[in-house]
Amino acid sequence: MSGRPPTRNDDVDWDRWPVEDYLAENYRELHPSDAAVIAHHSAFYRRFAAGGVARSVEFGAGPNLYPLMLAVAASRRIDAVEAGASGVAYLTRQLDRGPDDSWQPFYALCRRLNPGLPATAEEALARVRVVHADVRDLTPGTYGAASMSFVAEGVTEDRGEFTDFCRHFVRSVVPGGHLVAAFMENMPTYRIGPASRWPGCPVDPAVVTEVFRPLTRRLSVGRIDADPTLPDYGDSGMVLLTAVR
């Protein structure tokens, strides 16, 4: 970071997050890394009876729909909590008008791995409520399960703040509540689209384990290699986690 102070979450105007550029670069087609995350998360959700979780949360939802689709396998209601106005607007449009056609291959894979999901993505997403809020303001112990997808390491350059976001994530569920997460591995500060610059905090399985071990039990941390079909943001792959508070 060349001696400059690290960029922290509150230094960034998240209302201007470039949703369309982000989707174009990452989610207009189903990449192998997405398929690997979906397989990992599907195995997590297969632990539950259908509807076994009364209420779950997508912690910092952004415009990525597949974690919401996956959560429907277990949850009767999912709160998609997002702070940025652009992300909230996209999610709201997707729920009101139905998901973009580009999400259909994602849902087909989700349903292939969890056949108990509703027949259509529209039916699945009917269980989702968009919540325009800072995840740090969530009342602790609200949810039975929580998912976090590429959030804590992509909203700050400060390792201490990364840790704080992870603690808030863990504490969003009741004691005994279940957690599933994906992190970009060794993600530096990065660009989306032609110019916009966003903070990144490089983490790896050892860092994720160090942060979550004191807060959880049944902690499982793994990784997948970088996906050459995705833009090169400088990361080295993804870190995947499941745990119980």
Protein backbone atom coordinates (compact mmCIF):
# COMPACT_ATOMS: atom_id res chain seq x y z
CA MET A 1 0.00 0.00 0.00
CA SER A 2 3.08 2.22 -0.46
CA GLY A 3 3.03 3.67 3.03
CA ARG A 4 -0.43 5.25 2.73
CA PRO A 5 -3.05 4.55 5.40
CA PRO A 6 -5.24 1.55 4.56
CA THR A 7 -8.61 2.29 3.01
CA ARG A 8 -11.36 1.30 5.42
CA ASN A 9 -14.97 0.45 4.68
CA ASP A 10 -16.37 3.83 5.67
CA ASP A 11 -13.91 5.61 3.35
CA VAL A 12 -15.73 4.15 0.33
CA ASP A 13 -18.95 5.31 -1.39
CA TRP A 14 -20.65 1.92 -1.70
CA ASP A 15 -23.74 3.53 -3.22
CA ARG A 16 -21.68 3.87 -6.40
CA TRP A 17 -20.56 0.24 -6.58
CA PRO A 18 -20.42 -0.55 -10.34
CA VAL A 19 -23.02 -3.33 -10.40
CA GLU A 20 -23.28 -3.72 -14.17
CA ASP A 21 -19.49 -3.85 -14.66
CA TYR A 22 -19.18 -6.35 -11.81
CA LEU A 23 -21.88 -8.59 -13.27
CA ALA A 24 -20.40 -8.37 -16.75
CA GLU A 25 -16.97 -9.39 -15.49
CA ASN A 26 -18.10 -12.15 -13.13
CA TYR A 27 -21.68 -13.42 -13.44
CA ARG A 28 -22.98 -13.27 -16.99
CA GLU A 29 -21.87 -16.88 -17.37
CA LEU A 30 -21.34 -19.78 -14.97
CA HIS A 31 -17.59 -20.06 -14.35
CA PRO A 32 -15.86 -23.15 -12.89
CA SER A 33 -15.16 -21.34 -9.63
CA ASP A 34 -18.87 -20.51 -9.26
CA ALA A 35 -19.69 -24.16 -9.81
CA ALA A 36 -17.18 -25.14 -7.11
CA VAL A 37 -18.66 -22.67 -4.62
CA ILE A 38 -22.18 -23.83 -5.44
CA ALA A 39 -21.14 -27.46 -4.89
CA HIS A 40 -19.54 -26.58 -1.54
CA HIS A 41 -22.51 -24.55 -0.34
CA SER A 42 -25.03 -27.11 -1.60
CA ALA A 43 -23.39 -29.76 0.56
CA PHE A 44 -23.72 -27.39 3.53
CA TYR A 45 -27.43 -26.80 2.91
CA ARG A 46 -28.14 -30.51 2.43
CA ARG A 47 -27.47 -30.91 6.17
CA PHE A 48 -30.83 -29.27 6.87
CA ALA A 49 -34.37 -30.45 6.39
CA ALA A 50 -36.28 -28.39 3.84
CA GLY A 51 -37.43 -25.26 5.64
CA GLY A 52 -35.43 -26.26 8.70
CA VAL A 53 -34.10 -22.73 9.18
CA ALA A 54 -36.79 -20.19 9.94
CA ARG A 55 -34.68 -17.17 8.96
CA SER A 56 -31.24 -16.82 7.43
CA VAL A 57 -29.12 -13.90 6.23
CA GLU A 58 -26.93 -13.15 3.24
CA PHE A 59 -24.37 -10.95 4.95
CA GLY A 60 -23.54 -8.16 2.49
CA ALA A 61 -25.52 -9.57 -0.41
CA GLY A 62 -24.32 -7.41 -3.29
CA PRO A 63 -25.75 -8.32 -6.71
CA ASN A 64 -24.83 -12.02 -6.57
CA LEU A 65 -28.04 -14.08 -6.64
CA TYR A 66 -26.75 -17.64 -6.37
CA PRO A 67 -26.06 -17.59 -2.60
CA LEU A 68 -29.68 -16.51 -2.12
CA MET A 69 -30.91 -19.30 -4.37
CA LEU A 70 -28.85 -21.84 -2.44
CA ALA A 71 -30.17 -20.71 0.95
CA VAL A 72 -33.73 -21.48 -0.11
CA ALA A 73 -32.91 -25.19 0.22
CA ALA A 74 -32.95 -24.76 4.00
CA SER A 75 -34.55 -21.40 4.80
CA ARG A 76 -38.14 -20.27 4.97
CA ARG A 77 -37.02 -16.65 4.74
CA ILE A 78 -33.74 -15.04 3.67
CA ASP A 79 -32.75 -11.46 4.45
CA ALA A 80 -30.40 -10.08 1.77
CA VAL A 81 -28.65 -7.35 3.75
CA GLU A 82 -26.86 -4.81 1.57
CA ALA A 83 -25.57 -1.32 2.36
CA GLY A 84 -24.96 0.07 -1.13
CA ALA A 85 -27.82 1.76 -2.97
CA SER A 86 -26.78 0.33 -6.35
CA GLY A 87 -26.75 -3.21 -4.97
CA VAL A 88 -30.12 -2.74 -3.28
CA ALA A 89 -31.63 -1.37 -6.50
CA TYR A 90 -30.38 -4.36 -8.51
CA LEU A 91 -31.61 -6.92 -6.00
CA THR A 92 -35.00 -5.22 -5.77
CA ARG A 93 -35.39 -5.26 -9.57
CA GLN A 94 -34.45 -8.93 -9.71
CA LEU A 95 -37.05 -9.85 -7.11
CA ASP A 96 -39.76 -7.64 -8.59
CA ARG A 97 -39.29 -8.56 -12.26
CA GLY A 98 -37.64 -11.96 -12.07
CA PRO A 99 -33.94 -12.75 -12.38
CA ASP A 100 -31.95 -11.99 -15.51
CA ASP A 101 -31.70 -14.90 -17.95
CA SER A 102 -27.98 -15.16 -17.17
CA TRP A 103 -28.85 -16.50 -13.71
CA GLN A 104 -30.75 -19.50 -15.07
CA PRO A 105 -27.67 -21.77 -15.48
CA PHE A 106 -26.70 -20.95 -11.90
CA TYR A 107 -30.12 -21.96 -10.64
CA ALA A 108 -30.15 -25.10 -12.77
CA LEU A 109 -26.93 -26.22 -11.07
CA CYS A 110 -28.25 -25.29 -7.62
CA ARG A 111 -31.36 -27.37 -8.25
CA ARG A 112 -29.41 -30.28 -9.71
CA LEU A 113 -27.40 -30.45 -6.49
CA ASN A 114 -30.41 -29.77 -4.25
CA PRO A 115 -33.48 -31.20 -6.07
CA GLY A 116 -35.76 -30.03 -3.28
CA LEU A 117 -35.41 -26.42 -4.42
CA PRO A 118 -38.51 -24.86 -6.04
CA ALA A 119 -39.03 -25.49 -9.73
CA THR A 120 -38.04 -21.98 -10.78
CA ALA A 121 -35.63 -19.31 -9.62
CA GLU A 122 -38.56 -16.89 -9.36
CA GLU A 123 -40.27 -19.17 -6.83
CA ALA A 124 -37.05 -19.53 -4.87
CA LEU A 125 -36.34 -15.81 -4.71
CA ALA A 126 -39.87 -15.13 -3.47
CA ARG A 127 -38.53 -16.08 -0.03
CA VAL A 128 -35.92 -13.29 -0.13
CA ARG A 129 -36.38 -9.87 1.47
CA VAL A 130 -33.96 -7.08 0.57
CA VAL A 131 -32.76 -5.17 3.64
CA HIS A 132 -30.97 -1.86 2.99
CA ALA A 133 -28.64 -1.75 6.00
CA ASP A 134 -25.06 -1.94 7.19
CA VAL A 135 -24.36 -5.53 8.25
CA ARG A 136 -22.54 -4.19 11.32
CA ASP A 137 -25.87 -2.89 12.60
CA LEU A 138 -27.60 -6.28 12.61
CA THR A 139 -28.90 -7.39 15.99
CA PRO A 140 -26.67 -10.24 17.22
CA GLY A 141 -28.28 -13.66 17.43
CA THR A 142 -31.04 -12.90 14.92
CA TYR A 143 -30.59 -15.77 12.46
CA GLY A 144 -30.39 -19.55 12.40
CA ALA A 145 -27.90 -19.55 9.53
CA ALA A 146 -25.74 -16.99 7.76
CA SER A 147 -23.92 -16.89 4.44
CA MET A 148 -21.21 -14.41 3.41
CA SER A 149 -19.87 -14.32 -0.14
CA PHE A 150 -16.73 -12.30 -0.93
CA VAL A 151 -17.51 -9.50 1.52
CA ALA A 152 -15.19 -9.08 4.51
CA GLU A 153 -12.00 -9.23 2.42
CA GLY A 154 -13.43 -6.96 -0.29
CA VAL A 155 -14.62 -3.97 1.74
CA THR A 156 -11.44 -2.90 3.54
CA GLU A 157 -7.67 -2.95 3.32
CA ASP A 158 -7.34 -3.16 7.10
CA ARG A 159 -6.80 -6.63 8.62
CA GLY A 160 -8.33 -5.59 11.92
CA GLU A 161 -11.48 -4.39 10.18
CA PHE A 162 -11.63 -7.64 8.18
CA THR A 163 -11.59 -9.48 11.51
CA ASP A 164 -14.33 -7.23 12.88
CA PHE A 165 -16.57 -7.94 9.88
CA CYS A 166 -16.05 -11.67 10.41
CA ARG A 167 -16.98 -11.34 14.08
CA HIS A 168 -20.17 -9.52 13.17
CA PHE A 169 -20.91 -12.30 10.68
CA VAL A 170 -20.51 -15.01 13.33
CA ARG A 171 -22.56 -13.07 15.87
CA SER A 172 -25.44 -12.55 13.44
CA VAL A 173 -26.54 -16.14 14.18
CA VAL A 174 -27.79 -17.63 17.41
CA PRO A 175 -25.35 -19.74 19.46
CA GLY A 176 -25.35 -23.06 17.62
CA GLY A 177 -26.27 -21.27 14.39
CA HIS A 178 -24.64 -22.34 11.13
CA LEU A 179 -22.21 -20.42 8.92
CA VAL A 180 -21.06 -20.79 5.33
CA ALA A 181 -18.73 -18.38 3.55
CA ALA A 182 -16.47 -17.81 0.57
CA PHE A 183 -13.52 -15.42 0.44
CA MET A 184 -11.23 -14.35 -2.39
CA GLU A 185 -7.75 -15.62 -1.52
CA ASN A 186 -4.96 -13.01 -1.37
CA MET A 187 -7.17 -10.37 -2.96
CA PRO A 188 -5.36 -7.02 -3.26
CA THR A 189 -6.95 -3.65 -3.87
CA TYR A 190 -8.60 -4.16 -7.26
CA ARG A 191 -10.38 -2.52 -10.18
CA ILE A 192 -13.80 -3.20 -11.67
CA GLY A 193 -14.60 -1.84 -15.11
CA PRO A 194 -12.31 0.69 -16.78
CA ALA A 195 -11.42 2.85 -13.78
CA SER A 196 -13.10 2.19 -10.43
CA ARG A 197 -10.81 1.13 -7.57
CA TRP A 198 -11.98 -0.86 -4.53
CA PRO A 199 -10.30 -2.05 -1.31
CA GLY A 200 -9.04 -5.58 -0.78
CA CYS A 201 -7.52 -7.32 2.23
CA PRO A 202 -5.33 -10.31 1.31
CA VAL A 203 -6.30 -13.40 3.33
CA ASP A 204 -5.64 -17.12 2.99
CA PRO A 205 -6.83 -20.30 4.75
CA ALA A 206 -4.46 -19.72 7.67
CA VAL A 207 -5.78 -16.19 8.27
CA VAL A 208 -9.42 -17.28 7.95
CA THR A 209 -8.79 -20.16 10.38
CA GLU A 210 -7.08 -17.84 12.86
CA VAL A 211 -10.01 -15.41 12.80
CA PHE A 212 -12.81 -17.98 13.06
CA ARG A 213 -11.31 -20.63 15.35
CA PRO A 214 -11.92 -18.70 18.63
CA LEU A 215 -15.50 -17.92 17.62
CA THR A 216 -16.74 -21.23 16.25
CA ARG A 217 -16.72 -25.01 16.46
CA ARG A 218 -16.88 -27.62 13.71
CA LEU A 219 -14.78 -25.23 11.64
CA SER A 220 -13.88 -26.45 8.16
CA VAL A 221 -11.69 -24.30 5.89
CA GLY A 222 -10.64 -25.26 2.34
CA ARG A 223 -9.66 -23.55 -0.88
CA ILE A 224 -9.92 -23.74 -4.66
CA ASP A 225 -7.39 -22.52 -7.20
CA ALA A 226 -7.72 -19.30 -9.19
CA ASP A 227 -10.12 -19.52 -12.12
CA PRO A 228 -8.44 -18.53 -15.41
CA THR A 229 -11.84 -17.83 -16.99
CA LEU A 230 -12.37 -14.88 -14.61
CA PRO A 231 -10.66 -11.46 -14.71
CA ASP A 232 -7.26 -11.37 -13.04
CA TYR A 233 -7.90 -9.27 -9.94
CA GLY A 234 -4.61 -10.41 -8.43
CA ASP A 235 -6.16 -13.10 -6.23
CA SER A 236 -4.86 -16.68 -5.99
CA GLY A 237 -8.16 -18.55 -5.64
CA MET A 238 -10.96 -18.81 -3.10
CA VAL A 239 -11.22 -19.86 0.53
CA LEU A 240 -14.37 -21.78 1.57
CA LEU A 241 -15.67 -22.12 5.13
CA THR A 242 -18.35 -23.84 7.14
CA ALA A 243 -18.71 -23.57 10.91
CA VAL A 244 -21.09 -23.39 13.86
CA ARG A 245 -21.19 -20.44 16.25
